[in-house]
Amino acid sequence: MIYMISYDLHSPTQNRENVENDIKSFGTWCKYLTTTFLISTSSDLNAVSNKCISHLDGNDTMIISKVTKPIKGWLSQEQWDWISKNLQ
């Protein structure tokens, strides 16, 4: 399963390192934008959500969505290669 995770962290704590470590812990990942990742995992949406929101503050935001074909965008070849390899 491929999920897109996008977030915004706000003061006072901005736990960026903890949030990104949680996202990366699911295994294969690719960072596309400053605060947007794609992850490939066998975990379900609830498991991903529960772990990824554990370091958010009340004024932070995050959205997690399943990614399916087709997918379009303006990305580097390396990013498209990751998508092609992981989104089957």
PDB file of N, CA and C in Angstrom:
ATOM      1  N   MET A   1       0.833  -1.166   0.000  1.00  0.00           N
ATOM      2  CA  MET A   1       0.000   0.000   0.000  1.00  0.00           C
ATOM      3  C   MET A   1       0.886   1.240   0.000  1.00  0.00           C
ATOM      4  N   ILE A   2       0.503   2.225  -0.796  1.00  0.00           N
ATOM      5  CA  ILE A   2       1.224   3.498  -0.828  1.00  0.00           C
ATOM      6  C   ILE A   2       0.324   4.567  -0.202  1.00  0.00           C
ATOM      7  N   TYR A   3       0.888   5.326   0.727  1.00  0.00           N
ATOM      8  CA  TYR A   3       0.178   6.438   1.347  1.00  0.00           C
ATOM      9  C   TYR A   3       0.963   7.721   1.132  1.00  0.00           C
ATOM     10  N   MET A   4       0.237   8.809   0.912  1.00  0.00           N
ATOM     11  CA  MET A   4       0.836  10.135   0.890  1.00  0.00           C
ATOM     12  C   MET A   4       0.554  10.779   2.246  1.00  0.00           C
ATOM     13  N   ILE A   5       1.598  11.317   2.840  1.00  0.00           N
ATOM     14  CA  ILE A   5       1.484  11.993   4.134  1.00  0.00           C
ATOM     15  C   ILE A   5       1.989  13.409   3.949  1.00  0.00           C
ATOM     16  N   SER A   6       1.145  14.373   4.269  1.00  0.00           N
ATOM     17  CA  SER A   6       1.513  15.779   4.165  1.00  0.00           C
ATOM     18  C   SER A   6       1.155  16.460   5.476  1.00  0.00           C
ATOM     19  N   TYR A   7       2.035  17.321   5.952  1.00  0.00           N
ATOM     20  CA  TYR A   7       1.800  17.941   7.261  1.00  0.00           C
ATOM     21  C   TYR A   7       2.362  19.350   7.323  1.00  0.00           C
ATOM     22  N   ASP A   8       1.844  20.113   8.274  1.00  0.00           N
ATOM     23  CA  ASP A   8       2.379  21.422   8.649  1.00  0.00           C
ATOM     24  C   ASP A   8       2.541  21.426  10.158  1.00  0.00           C
ATOM     25  N   LEU A   9       3.715  21.806  10.610  1.00  0.00           N
ATOM     26  CA  LEU A   9       3.995  21.898  12.042  1.00  0.00           C
ATOM     27  C   LEU A   9       4.129  23.356  12.418  1.00  0.00           C
ATOM     28  N   HIS A  10       3.543  23.706  13.553  1.00  0.00           N
ATOM     29  CA  HIS A  10       3.536  25.095  14.011  1.00  0.00           C
ATOM     30  C   HIS A  10       4.151  25.190  15.401  1.00  0.00           C
ATOM     31  N   SER A  11       4.519  26.375  15.783  1.00  0.00           N
ATOM     32  CA  SER A  11       5.083  26.620  17.107  1.00  0.00           C
ATOM     33  C   SER A  11       4.054  26.233  18.159  1.00  0.00           C
ATOM     34  N   PRO A  12       4.450  25.884  19.347  1.00  0.00           N
ATOM     35  CA  PRO A  12       5.768  26.146  19.893  1.00  0.00           C
ATOM     36  C   PRO A  12       6.789  25.020  19.693  1.00  0.00           C
ATOM     37  N   THR A  13       6.390  23.772  19.493  1.00  0.00           N
ATOM     38  CA  THR A  13       7.392  22.699  19.549  1.00  0.00           C
ATOM     39  C   THR A  13       7.963  22.276  18.203  1.00  0.00           C
ATOM     40  N   GLN A  14       7.178  22.215  17.178  1.00  0.00           N
ATOM     41  CA  GLN A  14       7.641  21.783  15.854  1.00  0.00           C
ATOM     42  C   GLN A  14       8.512  20.526  15.943  1.00  0.00           C
ATOM     43  N   ASN A  15       7.907  19.408  16.211  1.00  0.00           N
ATOM     44  CA  ASN A  15       8.600  18.138  16.386  1.00  0.00           C
ATOM     45  C   ASN A  15       8.958  17.484  15.054  1.00  0.00           C
ATOM     46  N   ARG A  16       9.530  18.256  14.143  1.00  0.00           N
ATOM     47  CA  ARG A  16       9.806  17.769  12.788  1.00  0.00           C
ATOM     48  C   ARG A  16      10.603  16.469  12.778  1.00  0.00           C
ATOM     49  N   GLU A  17      11.673  16.401  13.538  1.00  0.00           N
ATOM     50  CA  GLU A  17      12.514  15.204  13.518  1.00  0.00           C
ATOM     51  C   GLU A  17      11.729  13.975  13.974  1.00  0.00           C
ATOM     52  N   ASN A  18      10.955  14.094  15.040  1.00  0.00           N
ATOM     53  CA  ASN A  18      10.157  12.971  15.532  1.00  0.00           C
ATOM     54  C   ASN A  18       9.084  12.563  14.527  1.00  0.00           C
ATOM     55  N   VAL A  19       8.413  13.537  13.937  1.00  0.00           N
ATOM     56  CA  VAL A  19       7.373  13.247  12.957  1.00  0.00           C
ATOM     57  C   VAL A  19       7.977  12.539  11.752  1.00  0.00           C
ATOM     58  N   GLU A  20       9.078  13.053  11.234  1.00  0.00           N
ATOM     59  CA  GLU A  20       9.694  12.434  10.059  1.00  0.00           C
ATOM     60  C   GLU A  20      10.267  11.056  10.381  1.00  0.00           C
ATOM     61  N   ASN A  21      10.798  10.859  11.573  1.00  0.00           N
ATOM     62  CA  ASN A  21      11.279   9.528  11.957  1.00  0.00           C
ATOM     63  C   ASN A  21      10.128   8.531  12.015  1.00  0.00           C
ATOM     64  N   ASP A  22       8.976   8.959  12.517  1.00  0.00           N
ATOM     65  CA  ASP A  22       7.798   8.083  12.534  1.00  0.00           C
ATOM     66  C   ASP A  22       7.389   7.706  11.111  1.00  0.00           C
ATOM     67  N   ILE A  23       7.353   8.681  10.221  1.00  0.00           N
ATOM     68  CA  ILE A  23       6.985   8.421   8.825  1.00  0.00           C
ATOM     69  C   ILE A  23       7.976   7.451   8.195  1.00  0.00           C
ATOM     70  N   LYS A  24       9.254   7.687   8.367  1.00  0.00           N
ATOM     71  CA  LYS A  24      10.291   6.861   7.755  1.00  0.00           C
ATOM     72  C   LYS A  24      10.335   5.453   8.339  1.00  0.00           C
ATOM     73  N   SER A  25       9.809   5.274   9.541  1.00  0.00           N
ATOM     74  CA  SER A  25       9.874   3.969  10.205  1.00  0.00           C
ATOM     75  C   SER A  25       9.026   2.903   9.522  1.00  0.00           C
ATOM     76  N   PHE A  26       8.134   3.294   8.624  1.00  0.00           N
ATOM     77  CA  PHE A  26       7.281   2.317   7.951  1.00  0.00           C
ATOM     78  C   PHE A  26       8.022   1.557   6.859  1.00  0.00           C
ATOM     79  N   GLY A  27       9.223   1.953   6.534  1.00  0.00           N
ATOM     80  CA  GLY A  27       9.998   1.232   5.531  1.00  0.00           C
ATOM     81  C   GLY A  27      10.371   2.123   4.370  1.00  0.00           C
ATOM     82  N   THR A  28       9.972   1.710   3.179  1.00  0.00           N
ATOM     83  CA  THR A  28      10.331   2.438   1.980  1.00  0.00           C
ATOM     84  C   THR A  28       9.574   3.752   1.910  1.00  0.00           C
ATOM     85  N   TRP A  29      10.289   4.839   1.670  1.00  0.00           N
ATOM     86  CA  TRP A  29       9.672   6.161   1.624  1.00  0.00           C
ATOM     87  C   TRP A  29      10.409   7.032   0.629  1.00  0.00           C
ATOM     88  N   CYS A  30       9.736   8.077   0.210  1.00  0.00           N
ATOM     89  CA  CYS A  30      10.338   9.087  -0.647  1.00  0.00           C
ATOM     90  C   CYS A  30       9.756  10.437  -0.249  1.00  0.00           C
ATOM     91  N   LYS A  31      10.627  11.404  -0.036  1.00  0.00           N
ATOM     92  CA  LYS A  31      10.191  12.751   0.337  1.00  0.00           C
ATOM     93  C   LYS A  31      10.069  13.568  -0.943  1.00  0.00           C
ATOM     94  N   TYR A  32       8.867  14.110  -1.200  1.00  0.00           N
ATOM     95  CA  TYR A  32       8.602  14.814  -2.445  1.00  0.00           C
ATOM     96  C   TYR A  32       8.615  16.320  -2.312  1.00  0.00           C
ATOM     97  N   LEU A  33       8.063  16.792  -1.251  1.00  0.00           N
ATOM     98  CA  LEU A  33       8.027  18.228  -0.991  1.00  0.00           C
ATOM     99  C   LEU A  33       8.538  18.432   0.424  1.00  0.00           C
ATOM    100  N   THR A  34       8.682  19.645   0.848  1.00  0.00           N
ATOM    101  CA  THR A  34       9.267  19.930   2.156  1.00  0.00           C
ATOM    102  C   THR A  34       8.603  19.135   3.276  1.00  0.00           C
ATOM    103  N   THR A  35       7.290  19.011   3.234  1.00  0.00           N
ATOM    104  CA  THR A  35       6.587  18.268   4.284  1.00  0.00           C
ATOM    105  C   THR A  35       5.605  17.258   3.695  1.00  0.00           C
ATOM    106  N   THR A  36       6.015  16.600   2.617  1.00  0.00           N
ATOM    107  CA  THR A  36       5.176  15.577   1.992  1.00  0.00           C
ATOM    108  C   THR A  36       6.018  14.352   1.661  1.00  0.00           C
ATOM    109  N   PHE A  37       5.535  13.209   2.105  1.00  0.00           N
ATOM    110  CA  PHE A  37       6.194  11.931   1.862  1.00  0.00           C
ATOM    111  C   PHE A  37       5.230  10.979   1.169  1.00  0.00           C
ATOM    112  N   LEU A  38       5.782  10.028   0.430  1.00  0.00           N
ATOM    113  CA  LEU A  38       5.074   8.821   0.035  1.00  0.00           C
ATOM    114  C   LEU A  38       5.760   7.692   0.779  1.00  0.00           C
ATOM    115  N   ILE A  39       4.953   6.771   1.329  1.00  0.00           N
ATOM    116  CA  ILE A  39       5.514   5.598   1.991  1.00  0.00           C
ATOM    117  C   ILE A  39       4.891   4.351   1.386  1.00  0.00           C
ATOM    118  N   SER A  40       5.663   3.282   1.351  1.00  0.00           N
ATOM    119  CA  SER A  40       5.171   1.982   0.929  1.00  0.00           C
ATOM    120  C   SER A  40       5.193   1.094   2.160  1.00  0.00           C
ATOM    121  N   THR A  41       4.039   0.556   2.548  1.00  0.00           N
ATOM    122  CA  THR A  41       3.943  -0.210   3.784  1.00  0.00           C
ATOM    123  C   THR A  41       2.817  -1.234   3.693  1.00  0.00           C
ATOM    124  N   SER A  42       2.927  -2.275   4.473  1.00  0.00           N
ATOM    125  CA  SER A  42       1.836  -3.245   4.587  1.00  0.00           C
ATOM    126  C   SER A  42       0.878  -2.848   5.707  1.00  0.00           C
ATOM    127  N   SER A  43       1.200  -1.805   6.447  1.00  0.00           N
ATOM    128  CA  SER A  43       0.333  -1.317   7.538  1.00  0.00           C
ATOM    129  C   SER A  43      -0.928  -0.687   6.976  1.00  0.00           C
ATOM    130  N   ASP A  44      -2.015  -0.784   7.737  1.00  0.00           N
ATOM    131  CA  ASP A  44      -3.255  -0.149   7.282  1.00  0.00           C
ATOM    132  C   ASP A  44      -3.270   1.329   7.663  1.00  0.00           C
ATOM    133  N   LEU A  45      -4.249   2.037   7.128  1.00  0.00           N
ATOM    134  CA  LEU A  45      -4.339   3.482   7.320  1.00  0.00           C
ATOM    135  C   LEU A  45      -4.407   3.864   8.797  1.00  0.00           C
ATOM    136  N   ASN A  46      -5.137   3.107   9.608  1.00  0.00           N
ATOM    137  CA  ASN A  46      -5.243   3.433  11.034  1.00  0.00           C
ATOM    138  C   ASN A  46      -3.903   3.319  11.739  1.00  0.00           C
ATOM    139  N   ALA A  47      -3.135   2.283  11.420  1.00  0.00           N
ATOM    140  CA  ALA A  47      -1.816   2.105  12.041  1.00  0.00           C
ATOM    141  C   ALA A  47      -0.880   3.243  11.644  1.00  0.00           C
ATOM    142  N   VAL A  48      -0.902   3.617  10.371  1.00  0.00           N
ATOM    143  CA  VAL A  48      -0.058   4.721   9.902  1.00  0.00           C
ATOM    144  C   VAL A  48      -0.465   6.010  10.601  1.00  0.00           C
ATOM    145  N   SER A  49      -1.751   6.283  10.631  1.00  0.00           N
ATOM    146  CA  SER A  49      -2.251   7.502  11.258  1.00  0.00           C
ATOM    147  C   SER A  49      -1.890   7.561  12.742  1.00  0.00           C
ATOM    148  N   ASN A  50      -2.156   6.480  13.458  1.00  0.00           N
ATOM    149  CA  ASN A  50      -1.898   6.469  14.902  1.00  0.00           C
ATOM    150  C   ASN A  50      -0.438   6.761  15.220  1.00  0.00           C
ATOM    151  N   LYS A  51       0.469   6.193  14.446  1.00  0.00           N
ATOM    152  CA  LYS A  51       1.889   6.429  14.711  1.00  0.00           C
ATOM    153  C   LYS A  51       2.299   7.840  14.287  1.00  0.00           C
ATOM    154  N   CYS A  52       1.840   8.267  13.127  1.00  0.00           N
ATOM    155  CA  CYS A  52       2.290   9.554  12.590  1.00  0.00           C
ATOM    156  C   CYS A  52       1.766  10.756  13.360  1.00  0.00           C
ATOM    157  N   ILE A  53       0.629  10.637  13.995  1.00  0.00           N
ATOM    158  CA  ILE A  53       0.085  11.784  14.730  1.00  0.00           C
ATOM    159  C   ILE A  53       0.592  11.850  16.172  1.00  0.00           C
ATOM    160  N   SER A  54       1.374  10.867  16.584  1.00  0.00           N
ATOM    161  CA  SER A  54       1.774  10.796  17.996  1.00  0.00           C
ATOM    162  C   SER A  54       2.624  11.978  18.452  1.00  0.00           C
ATOM    163  N   HIS A  55       3.313  12.661  17.547  1.00  0.00           N
ATOM    164  CA  HIS A  55       4.156  13.805  17.925  1.00  0.00           C
ATOM    165  C   HIS A  55       3.582  15.144  17.470  1.00  0.00           C
ATOM    166  N   LEU A  56       2.319  15.158  17.045  1.00  0.00           N
ATOM    167  CA  LEU A  56       1.710  16.425  16.616  1.00  0.00           C
ATOM    168  C   LEU A  56       1.173  17.189  17.812  1.00  0.00           C
ATOM    169  N   ASP A  57       1.231  18.506  17.726  1.00  0.00           N
ATOM    170  CA  ASP A  57       0.614  19.382  18.718  1.00  0.00           C
ATOM    171  C   ASP A  57      -0.789  19.737  18.246  1.00  0.00           C
ATOM    172  N   GLY A  58      -1.561  20.350  19.112  1.00  0.00           N
ATOM    173  CA  GLY A  58      -2.936  20.706  18.798  1.00  0.00           C
ATOM    174  C   GLY A  58      -3.088  21.672  17.634  1.00  0.00           C
ATOM    175  N   ASN A  59      -2.067  22.422  17.311  1.00  0.00           N
ATOM    176  CA  ASN A  59      -2.162  23.388  16.212  1.00  0.00           C
ATOM    177  C   ASN A  59      -1.452  22.907  14.937  1.00  0.00           C
ATOM    178  N   ASP A  60      -0.959  21.651  14.934  1.00  0.00           N
ATOM    179  CA  ASP A  60      -0.360  21.067  13.738  1.00  0.00           C
ATOM    180  C   ASP A  60      -1.452  20.454  12.870  1.00  0.00           C
ATOM    181  N   THR A  61      -1.131  20.206  11.607  1.00  0.00           N
ATOM    182  CA  THR A  61      -2.092  19.552  10.711  1.00  0.00           C
ATOM    183  C   THR A  61      -1.379  18.453   9.928  1.00  0.00           C
ATOM    184  N   MET A  62      -2.154  17.422   9.556  1.00  0.00           N
ATOM    185  CA  MET A  62      -1.614  16.314   8.774  1.00  0.00           C
ATOM    186  C   MET A  62      -2.763  15.666   8.014  1.00  0.00           C
ATOM    187  N   ILE A  63      -2.469  15.228   6.792  1.00  0.00           N
ATOM    188  CA  ILE A  63      -3.429  14.439   6.028  1.00  0.00           C
ATOM    189  C   ILE A  63      -2.686  13.226   5.482  1.00  0.00           C
ATOM    190  N   ILE A  64      -3.336  12.074   5.560  1.00  0.00           N
ATOM    191  CA  ILE A  64      -2.773  10.820   5.063  1.00  0.00           C
ATOM    192  C   ILE A  64      -3.802  10.225   4.116  1.00  0.00           C
ATOM    193  N   SER A  65      -3.365   9.891   2.905  1.00  0.00           N
ATOM    194  CA  SER A  65      -4.313   9.322   1.944  1.00  0.00           C
ATOM    195  C   SER A  65      -3.655   8.195   1.156  1.00  0.00           C
ATOM    196  N   LYS A  66      -4.472   7.233   0.768  1.00  0.00           N
ATOM    197  CA  LYS A  66      -4.029   6.129  -0.066  1.00  0.00           C
ATOM    198  C   LYS A  66      -3.774   6.653  -1.478  1.00  0.00           C
ATOM    199  N   VAL A  67      -2.699   6.201  -2.095  1.00  0.00           N
ATOM    200  CA  VAL A  67      -2.352   6.621  -3.453  1.00  0.00           C
ATOM    201  C   VAL A  67      -2.639   5.464  -4.403  1.00  0.00           C
ATOM    202  N   THR A  68      -3.373   5.753  -5.450  1.00  0.00           N
ATOM    203  CA  THR A  68      -3.679   4.751  -6.464  1.00  0.00           C
ATOM    204  C   THR A  68      -3.375   5.323  -7.841  1.00  0.00           C
ATOM    205  N   LYS A  69      -3.306   4.453  -8.825  1.00  0.00           N
ATOM    206  CA  LYS A  69      -3.108   4.885 -10.209  1.00  0.00           C
ATOM    207  C   LYS A  69      -4.403   5.442 -10.743  1.00  0.00           C
ATOM    208  N   PRO A  70      -4.360   6.338 -11.661  1.00  0.00           N
ATOM    209  CA  PRO A  70      -3.186   7.035 -12.182  1.00  0.00           C
ATOM    210  C   PRO A  70      -2.738   8.133 -11.230  1.00  0.00           C
ATOM    211  N   ILE A  71      -1.508   8.532 -11.405  1.00  0.00           N
ATOM    212  CA  ILE A  71      -0.943   9.616 -10.603  1.00  0.00           C
ATOM    213  C   ILE A  71      -0.184  10.539 -11.555  1.00  0.00           C
ATOM    214  N   LYS A  72      -0.388  11.811 -11.395  1.00  0.00           N
ATOM    215  CA  LYS A  72       0.250  12.821 -12.249  1.00  0.00           C
ATOM    216  C   LYS A  72       0.934  13.858 -11.379  1.00  0.00           C
ATOM    217  N   GLY A  73       1.906  14.537 -11.936  1.00  0.00           N
ATOM    218  CA  GLY A  73       2.575  15.593 -11.204  1.00  0.00           C
ATOM    219  C   GLY A  73       3.836  16.035 -11.915  1.00  0.00           C
ATOM    220  N   TRP A  74       4.554  16.934 -11.276  1.00  0.00           N
ATOM    221  CA  TRP A  74       5.797  17.468 -11.796  1.00  0.00           C
ATOM    222  C   TRP A  74       6.882  17.097 -10.798  1.00  0.00           C
ATOM    223  N   LEU A  75       7.604  15.998 -11.085  1.00  0.00           N
ATOM    224  CA  LEU A  75       8.581  15.451 -10.157  1.00  0.00           C
ATOM    225  C   LEU A  75       9.870  15.120 -10.890  1.00  0.00           C
ATOM    226  N   SER A  76      10.901  14.822 -10.122  1.00  0.00           N
ATOM    227  CA  SER A  76      12.171  14.398 -10.722  1.00  0.00           C
ATOM    228  C   SER A  76      12.034  12.967 -11.239  1.00  0.00           C
ATOM    229  N   GLN A  77      12.936  12.564 -12.116  1.00  0.00           N
ATOM    230  CA  GLN A  77      12.913  11.193 -12.630  1.00  0.00           C
ATOM    231  C   GLN A  77      13.104  10.189 -11.504  1.00  0.00           C
ATOM    232  N   GLU A  78      13.957  10.519 -10.536  1.00  0.00           N
ATOM    233  CA  GLU A  78      14.177   9.642  -9.387  1.00  0.00           C
ATOM    234  C   GLU A  78      12.875   9.421  -8.607  1.00  0.00           C
ATOM    235  N   GLN A  79      12.098  10.481  -8.432  1.00  0.00           N
ATOM    236  CA  GLN A  79      10.824  10.357  -7.724  1.00  0.00           C
ATOM    237  C   GLN A  79       9.833   9.505  -8.519  1.00  0.00           C
ATOM    238  N   TRP A  80       9.766   9.720  -9.840  1.00  0.00           N
ATOM    239  CA  TRP A  80       8.878   8.898 -10.676  1.00  0.00           C
ATOM    240  C   TRP A  80       9.324   7.443 -10.658  1.00  0.00           C
ATOM    241  N   ASP A  81      10.624   7.194 -10.631  1.00  0.00           N
ATOM    242  CA  ASP A  81      11.134   5.826 -10.562  1.00  0.00           C
ATOM    243  C   ASP A  81      10.667   5.154  -9.276  1.00  0.00           C
ATOM    244  N   TRP A  82      10.708   5.906  -8.152  1.00  0.00           N
ATOM    245  CA  TRP A  82      10.248   5.350  -6.876  1.00  0.00           C
ATOM    246  C   TRP A  82       8.775   4.990  -6.980  1.00  0.00           C
ATOM    247  N   ILE A  83       7.983   5.870  -7.548  1.00  0.00           N
ATOM    248  CA  ILE A  83       6.545   5.609  -7.707  1.00  0.00           C
ATOM    249  C   ILE A  83       6.332   4.372  -8.571  1.00  0.00           C
ATOM    250  N   SER A  84       7.009   4.295  -9.691  1.00  0.00           N
ATOM    251  CA  SER A  84       6.847   3.153 -10.602  1.00  0.00           C
ATOM    252  C   SER A  84       7.207   1.837  -9.907  1.00  0.00           C
ATOM    253  N   LYS A  85       8.256   1.865  -9.120  1.00  0.00           N
ATOM    254  CA  LYS A  85       8.700   0.658  -8.420  1.00  0.00           C
ATOM    255  C   LYS A  85       7.727   0.237  -7.324  1.00  0.00           C
ATOM    256  N   ASN A  86       7.151   1.202  -6.617  1.00  0.00           N
ATOM    257  CA  ASN A  86       6.351   0.888  -5.431  1.00  0.00           C
ATOM    258  C   ASN A  86       4.844   0.901  -5.649  1.00  0.00           C
ATOM    259  N   LEU A  87       4.368   1.540  -6.690  1.00  0.00           N
ATOM    260  CA  LEU A  87       2.927   1.617  -6.931  1.00  0.00           C
ATOM    261  C   LEU A  87       2.574   0.682  -8.080  1.00  0.00           C
ATOM    262  N   GLN A  88       2.196  -0.525  -7.711  1.00  0.00           N
ATOM    263  CA  GLN A  88       1.889  -1.529  -8.734  1.00  0.00           C
ATOM    264  C   GLN A  88       0.492  -2.027  -8.626  1.00  0.00           C
TER     265      GLN A  88
END
